[in-house]
Amino acid sequence: QVQLVESGGGLVQAGGSLRLSCAASGLAFTINAMGWYRQAPGKQREFVAGISIRSGTNYADSVKGRFTISRDNGKNTIYLQMDSLGPEDTAVYYCNKYPITWDYWGQGTQVTVSS
């Protein structure tokens, strides 16, 4: 019943930008902090950015100053504006609760940054 549908990924050159979206359903969106996570090939999934129910934000050091997380409670959607992308940002990006309290993950959206 829970659906987390990520979109907006693609192939960009280093220095470029992407805006990711995550539409959540079957989840008490307005009473959950939400976040973005990513997993590069051969590496563990890692936290990228989180946003509280009151829109306070937290970022991994690796993306701070380059990425911006936001939420639209009316649309049950969170966003990740990604600027100044580099090859190190190449990964599958996922949205989920923040912090993670369950095992459910959506299919993610692939972000590939060429050098």
N, C-alpha and C. Protein backbone atom coordinates (compact mmCIF):
# COMPACT_ATOMS: atom_id res chain seq x y z
N GLN A 1 0.81 -1.20 0.00
CA GLN A 1 0.00 0.00 0.00
C GLN A 1 0.86 1.27 0.00
N VAL A 2 2.00 1.20 0.66
CA VAL A 2 2.92 2.33 0.66
C VAL A 2 3.57 2.45 -0.71
N GLN A 3 3.60 3.65 -1.22
CA GLN A 3 4.28 3.92 -2.47
C GLN A 3 5.18 5.14 -2.32
N LEU A 4 6.41 4.97 -2.73
CA LEU A 4 7.38 6.05 -2.78
C LEU A 4 7.90 6.08 -4.20
N VAL A 5 7.53 7.09 -4.94
CA VAL A 5 7.83 7.14 -6.36
C VAL A 5 8.75 8.31 -6.64
N GLU A 6 10.00 7.99 -6.94
CA GLU A 6 11.00 8.99 -7.23
C GLU A 6 11.05 9.26 -8.73
N SER A 7 11.33 10.48 -9.08
CA SER A 7 11.45 10.84 -10.49
C SER A 7 12.39 12.03 -10.63
N GLY A 8 12.79 12.30 -11.86
CA GLY A 8 13.60 13.47 -12.15
C GLY A 8 15.06 13.20 -12.41
N GLY A 9 15.49 11.96 -12.24
CA GLY A 9 16.87 11.64 -12.49
C GLY A 9 17.20 11.67 -13.98
N GLY A 10 18.46 11.54 -14.27
CA GLY A 10 18.90 11.55 -15.65
C GLY A 10 20.40 11.68 -15.75
N LEU A 11 20.85 11.94 -16.94
CA LEU A 11 22.27 12.10 -17.23
C LEU A 11 22.58 13.58 -17.41
N VAL A 12 23.54 14.06 -16.64
CA VAL A 12 23.96 15.46 -16.74
C VAL A 12 25.47 15.55 -16.73
N GLN A 13 25.98 16.64 -17.25
CA GLN A 13 27.40 16.91 -17.19
C GLN A 13 27.78 17.48 -15.83
N ALA A 14 29.02 17.28 -15.45
CA ALA A 14 29.52 17.88 -14.22
C ALA A 14 29.25 19.38 -14.22
N GLY A 15 28.81 19.87 -13.07
CA GLY A 15 28.45 21.27 -12.94
C GLY A 15 26.98 21.56 -13.21
N GLY A 16 26.27 20.58 -13.71
CA GLY A 16 24.87 20.75 -14.04
C GLY A 16 23.96 20.57 -12.85
N SER A 17 22.66 20.64 -13.12
CA SER A 17 21.64 20.58 -12.08
C SER A 17 20.53 19.61 -12.45
N LEU A 18 19.92 19.06 -11.43
CA LEU A 18 18.72 18.25 -11.57
C LEU A 18 17.80 18.55 -10.40
N ARG A 19 16.51 18.37 -10.62
CA ARG A 19 15.52 18.49 -9.56
C ARG A 19 14.77 17.17 -9.45
N LEU A 20 14.93 16.50 -8.33
CA LEU A 20 14.27 15.23 -8.08
C LEU A 20 12.96 15.45 -7.34
N SER A 21 12.00 14.60 -7.61
CA SER A 21 10.73 14.62 -6.91
C SER A 21 10.43 13.25 -6.33
N CYS A 22 9.72 13.24 -5.23
CA CYS A 22 9.27 12.00 -4.61
C CYS A 22 7.83 12.18 -4.19
N ALA A 23 6.95 11.40 -4.79
CA ALA A 23 5.54 11.40 -4.44
C ALA A 23 5.28 10.23 -3.51
N ALA A 24 4.76 10.53 -2.33
CA ALA A 24 4.51 9.52 -1.32
C ALA A 24 3.03 9.30 -1.15
N SER A 25 2.64 8.05 -0.98
CA SER A 25 1.25 7.72 -0.68
C SER A 25 1.22 6.52 0.26
N GLY A 26 0.08 6.35 0.93
CA GLY A 26 -0.03 5.28 1.90
C GLY A 26 0.88 5.50 3.10
N LEU A 27 1.19 6.74 3.38
CA LEU A 27 2.13 7.11 4.41
C LEU A 27 1.61 8.39 5.05
N ALA A 28 1.74 8.48 6.37
CA ALA A 28 1.30 9.68 7.07
C ALA A 28 2.31 10.79 6.84
N PHE A 29 2.26 11.33 5.64
CA PHE A 29 3.28 12.26 5.18
C PHE A 29 3.45 13.47 6.09
N THR A 30 2.34 14.05 6.49
CA THR A 30 2.42 15.30 7.22
C THR A 30 2.94 15.15 8.65
N ILE A 31 3.00 13.93 9.15
CA ILE A 31 3.54 13.71 10.49
C ILE A 31 4.85 12.94 10.46
N ASN A 32 5.48 12.91 9.33
CA ASN A 32 6.77 12.25 9.19
C ASN A 32 7.80 13.21 8.63
N ALA A 33 8.96 13.20 9.24
CA ALA A 33 10.10 13.79 8.57
C ALA A 33 10.48 12.91 7.38
N MET A 34 10.94 13.51 6.32
CA MET A 34 11.27 12.79 5.10
C MET A 34 12.70 13.09 4.69
N GLY A 35 13.25 12.20 3.89
CA GLY A 35 14.62 12.40 3.47
C GLY A 35 14.93 11.79 2.13
N TRP A 36 16.08 12.18 1.62
CA TRP A 36 16.65 11.59 0.42
C TRP A 36 17.88 10.79 0.79
N TYR A 37 18.05 9.67 0.11
CA TYR A 37 19.16 8.77 0.31
C TYR A 37 19.70 8.38 -1.07
N ARG A 38 20.92 7.92 -1.11
CA ARG A 38 21.46 7.49 -2.39
C ARG A 38 22.38 6.29 -2.20
N GLN A 39 22.51 5.53 -3.27
CA GLN A 39 23.36 4.37 -3.26
C GLN A 39 24.13 4.29 -4.57
N ALA A 40 25.43 4.39 -4.47
CA ALA A 40 26.29 4.24 -5.62
C ALA A 40 26.66 2.77 -5.79
N PRO A 41 27.04 2.35 -6.99
CA PRO A 41 27.38 0.94 -7.21
C PRO A 41 28.47 0.46 -6.27
N GLY A 42 28.23 -0.67 -5.62
CA GLY A 42 29.21 -1.26 -4.73
C GLY A 42 29.35 -0.58 -3.39
N LYS A 43 28.50 0.39 -3.10
CA LYS A 43 28.59 1.13 -1.85
C LYS A 43 27.28 1.03 -1.08
N GLN A 44 27.37 1.34 0.21
CA GLN A 44 26.18 1.34 1.05
C GLN A 44 25.29 2.54 0.72
N ARG A 45 24.02 2.35 0.96
CA ARG A 45 23.11 3.46 0.86
C ARG A 45 23.46 4.48 1.94
N GLU A 46 23.41 5.75 1.59
CA GLU A 46 23.77 6.80 2.52
C GLU A 46 22.73 7.91 2.56
N PHE A 47 22.69 8.56 3.67
CA PHE A 47 21.80 9.70 3.86
C PHE A 47 22.31 10.89 3.06
N VAL A 48 21.39 11.61 2.44
CA VAL A 48 21.73 12.79 1.66
C VAL A 48 21.17 14.05 2.31
N ALA A 49 19.88 14.06 2.56
CA ALA A 49 19.23 15.25 3.10
C ALA A 49 17.93 14.86 3.78
N GLY A 50 17.57 15.59 4.82
CA GLY A 50 16.33 15.34 5.52
C GLY A 50 15.58 16.63 5.78
N ILE A 51 14.27 16.51 5.93
CA ILE A 51 13.43 17.66 6.21
C ILE A 51 12.38 17.26 7.23
N SER A 52 12.25 18.06 8.26
CA SER A 52 11.31 17.77 9.34
C SER A 52 9.90 18.17 8.96
N ILE A 53 8.95 17.82 9.84
CA ILE A 53 7.57 18.20 9.59
C ILE A 53 7.39 19.71 9.65
N ARG A 54 8.31 20.38 10.29
CA ARG A 54 8.28 21.84 10.35
C ARG A 54 9.26 22.48 9.37
N SER A 55 9.77 21.68 8.46
CA SER A 55 10.64 22.11 7.36
C SER A 55 12.05 22.49 7.79
N GLY A 56 12.46 22.06 8.97
CA GLY A 56 13.86 22.15 9.28
C GLY A 56 14.63 21.16 8.43
N THR A 57 15.85 21.48 8.07
CA THR A 57 16.61 20.64 7.14
C THR A 57 17.94 20.21 7.71
N ASN A 58 18.43 19.10 7.18
CA ASN A 58 19.72 18.56 7.55
C ASN A 58 20.34 17.94 6.31
N TYR A 59 21.65 18.11 6.15
CA TYR A 59 22.33 17.64 4.95
C TYR A 59 23.59 16.89 5.30
N ALA A 60 23.89 15.89 4.49
CA ALA A 60 25.20 15.27 4.57
C ALA A 60 26.27 16.29 4.20
N ASP A 61 27.42 16.18 4.83
CA ASP A 61 28.50 17.12 4.54
C ASP A 61 28.87 17.15 3.06
N SER A 62 28.74 16.02 2.41
CA SER A 62 29.15 15.91 1.02
C SER A 62 28.27 16.72 0.06
N VAL A 63 27.07 17.08 0.49
CA VAL A 63 26.16 17.79 -0.40
C VAL A 63 25.76 19.16 0.12
N LYS A 64 26.12 19.47 1.34
CA LYS A 64 25.74 20.74 1.94
C LYS A 64 26.25 21.91 1.09
N GLY A 65 25.35 22.84 0.83
CA GLY A 65 25.69 23.98 0.00
C GLY A 65 25.41 23.77 -1.47
N ARG A 66 25.19 22.53 -1.87
CA ARG A 66 24.90 22.22 -3.27
C ARG A 66 23.48 21.72 -3.49
N PHE A 67 22.95 21.00 -2.51
CA PHE A 67 21.61 20.41 -2.62
C PHE A 67 20.65 21.12 -1.68
N THR A 68 19.39 21.18 -2.07
CA THR A 68 18.36 21.78 -1.25
C THR A 68 17.14 20.86 -1.23
N ILE A 69 16.72 20.47 -0.03
CA ILE A 69 15.53 19.65 0.12
C ILE A 69 14.35 20.54 0.50
N SER A 70 13.19 20.19 -0.01
CA SER A 70 11.97 20.92 0.33
C SER A 70 10.79 19.97 0.32
N ARG A 71 9.67 20.42 0.84
CA ARG A 71 8.49 19.57 0.86
C ARG A 71 7.25 20.38 0.56
N ASP A 72 6.28 19.72 -0.06
CA ASP A 72 4.98 20.30 -0.33
C ASP A 72 3.96 19.36 0.28
N ASN A 73 3.48 19.70 1.46
CA ASN A 73 2.57 18.81 2.17
C ASN A 73 1.24 18.63 1.43
N GLY A 74 0.81 19.65 0.71
CA GLY A 74 -0.42 19.55 -0.05
C GLY A 74 -0.35 18.53 -1.16
N LYS A 75 0.85 18.26 -1.65
CA LYS A 75 1.06 17.29 -2.72
C LYS A 75 1.69 16.00 -2.23
N ASN A 76 1.94 15.88 -0.94
CA ASN A 76 2.63 14.72 -0.38
C ASN A 76 3.92 14.44 -1.17
N THR A 77 4.68 15.47 -1.38
CA THR A 77 5.85 15.39 -2.24
C THR A 77 7.04 16.08 -1.60
N ILE A 78 8.20 15.47 -1.74
CA ILE A 78 9.44 16.15 -1.39
C ILE A 78 10.29 16.30 -2.64
N TYR A 79 11.19 17.26 -2.58
CA TYR A 79 12.02 17.59 -3.72
C TYR A 79 13.48 17.65 -3.29
N LEU A 80 14.34 17.46 -4.25
CA LEU A 80 15.76 17.65 -4.02
C LEU A 80 16.33 18.42 -5.20
N GLN A 81 16.64 19.67 -4.98
CA GLN A 81 17.31 20.47 -5.99
C GLN A 81 18.80 20.22 -5.87
N MET A 82 19.39 19.74 -6.94
CA MET A 82 20.79 19.34 -6.95
C MET A 82 21.55 20.24 -7.92
N ASP A 83 22.46 21.02 -7.38
CA ASP A 83 23.27 21.93 -8.18
C ASP A 83 24.74 21.56 -8.07
N SER A 84 25.51 22.05 -9.00
CA SER A 84 26.96 21.81 -9.01
C SER A 84 27.28 20.33 -8.89
N LEU A 85 26.60 19.55 -9.68
CA LEU A 85 26.77 18.10 -9.61
C LEU A 85 28.14 17.67 -10.10
N GLY A 86 28.65 16.64 -9.46
CA GLY A 86 29.91 16.04 -9.87
C GLY A 86 29.77 14.54 -10.02
N PRO A 87 30.73 13.89 -10.62
CA PRO A 87 30.67 12.44 -10.80
C PRO A 87 30.45 11.68 -9.49
N GLU A 88 30.92 12.21 -8.39
CA GLU A 88 30.74 11.57 -7.09
C GLU A 88 29.28 11.52 -6.66
N ASP A 89 28.42 12.28 -7.32
CA ASP A 89 27.00 12.26 -7.02
C ASP A 89 26.24 11.19 -7.79
N THR A 90 26.92 10.49 -8.67
CA THR A 90 26.28 9.43 -9.43
C THR A 90 25.80 8.32 -8.49
N ALA A 91 24.51 8.03 -8.55
CA ALA A 91 23.91 7.05 -7.65
C ALA A 91 22.44 6.90 -8.00
N VAL A 92 21.82 5.90 -7.41
CA VAL A 92 20.37 5.82 -7.41
C VAL A 92 19.87 6.57 -6.18
N TYR A 93 18.97 7.48 -6.39
CA TYR A 93 18.44 8.31 -5.31
C TYR A 93 17.07 7.83 -4.89
N TYR A 94 16.88 7.71 -3.59
CA TYR A 94 15.65 7.23 -3.00
C TYR A 94 15.10 8.24 -2.00
N CYS A 95 13.79 8.25 -1.86
CA CYS A 95 13.20 8.99 -0.76
C CYS A 95 12.64 8.01 0.26
N ASN A 96 12.49 8.47 1.48
CA ASN A 96 11.94 7.63 2.53
C ASN A 96 11.71 8.49 3.77
N LYS A 97 11.27 7.83 4.82
CA LYS A 97 11.19 8.50 6.10
C LYS A 97 12.59 8.92 6.56
N TYR A 98 12.61 9.86 7.47
CA TYR A 98 13.85 10.32 8.05
C TYR A 98 13.66 10.48 9.55
N PRO A 99 14.37 9.69 10.35
CA PRO A 99 15.24 8.59 9.97
C PRO A 99 14.46 7.37 9.47
N ILE A 100 15.17 6.40 8.96
CA ILE A 100 14.53 5.20 8.45
C ILE A 100 14.00 4.37 9.61
N THR A 101 12.73 4.01 9.55
CA THR A 101 12.11 3.20 10.60
C THR A 101 11.48 1.93 10.06
N TRP A 102 11.63 1.68 8.77
CA TRP A 102 11.10 0.47 8.16
C TRP A 102 11.98 0.05 6.99
N ASP A 103 11.64 -1.12 6.40
CA ASP A 103 12.46 -1.68 5.33
C ASP A 103 11.99 -1.34 3.93
N TYR A 104 10.91 -0.61 3.82
CA TYR A 104 10.38 -0.35 2.49
C TYR A 104 11.18 0.71 1.75
N TRP A 105 11.50 0.40 0.50
CA TRP A 105 12.16 1.33 -0.40
C TRP A 105 11.48 1.28 -1.76
N GLY A 106 11.38 2.44 -2.40
CA GLY A 106 10.89 2.49 -3.75
C GLY A 106 11.97 2.08 -4.73
N GLN A 107 11.70 2.29 -6.02
CA GLN A 107 12.66 1.88 -7.04
C GLN A 107 13.77 2.89 -7.26
N GLY A 108 13.59 4.09 -6.77
CA GLY A 108 14.62 5.10 -6.90
C GLY A 108 14.67 5.71 -8.29
N THR A 109 15.51 6.72 -8.43
CA THR A 109 15.73 7.34 -9.72
C THR A 109 17.24 7.51 -9.93
N GLN A 110 17.69 7.13 -11.10
CA GLN A 110 19.12 7.12 -11.39
C GLN A 110 19.62 8.51 -11.76
N VAL A 111 20.66 8.92 -11.10
CA VAL A 111 21.36 10.15 -11.43
C VAL A 111 22.76 9.79 -11.89
N THR A 112 23.11 10.20 -13.08
CA THR A 112 24.44 9.93 -13.61
C THR A 112 25.07 11.25 -14.03
N VAL A 113 26.23 11.52 -13.48
CA VAL A 113 26.95 12.76 -13.77
C VAL A 113 28.22 12.40 -14.52
N SER A 114 28.33 12.90 -15.72
CA SER A 114 29.49 12.61 -16.54
C SER A 114 30.59 13.62 -16.28
N SER A 115 31.82 13.18 -16.44
CA SER A 115 32.97 14.04 -16.23
C SER A 115 33.57 14.53 -17.53
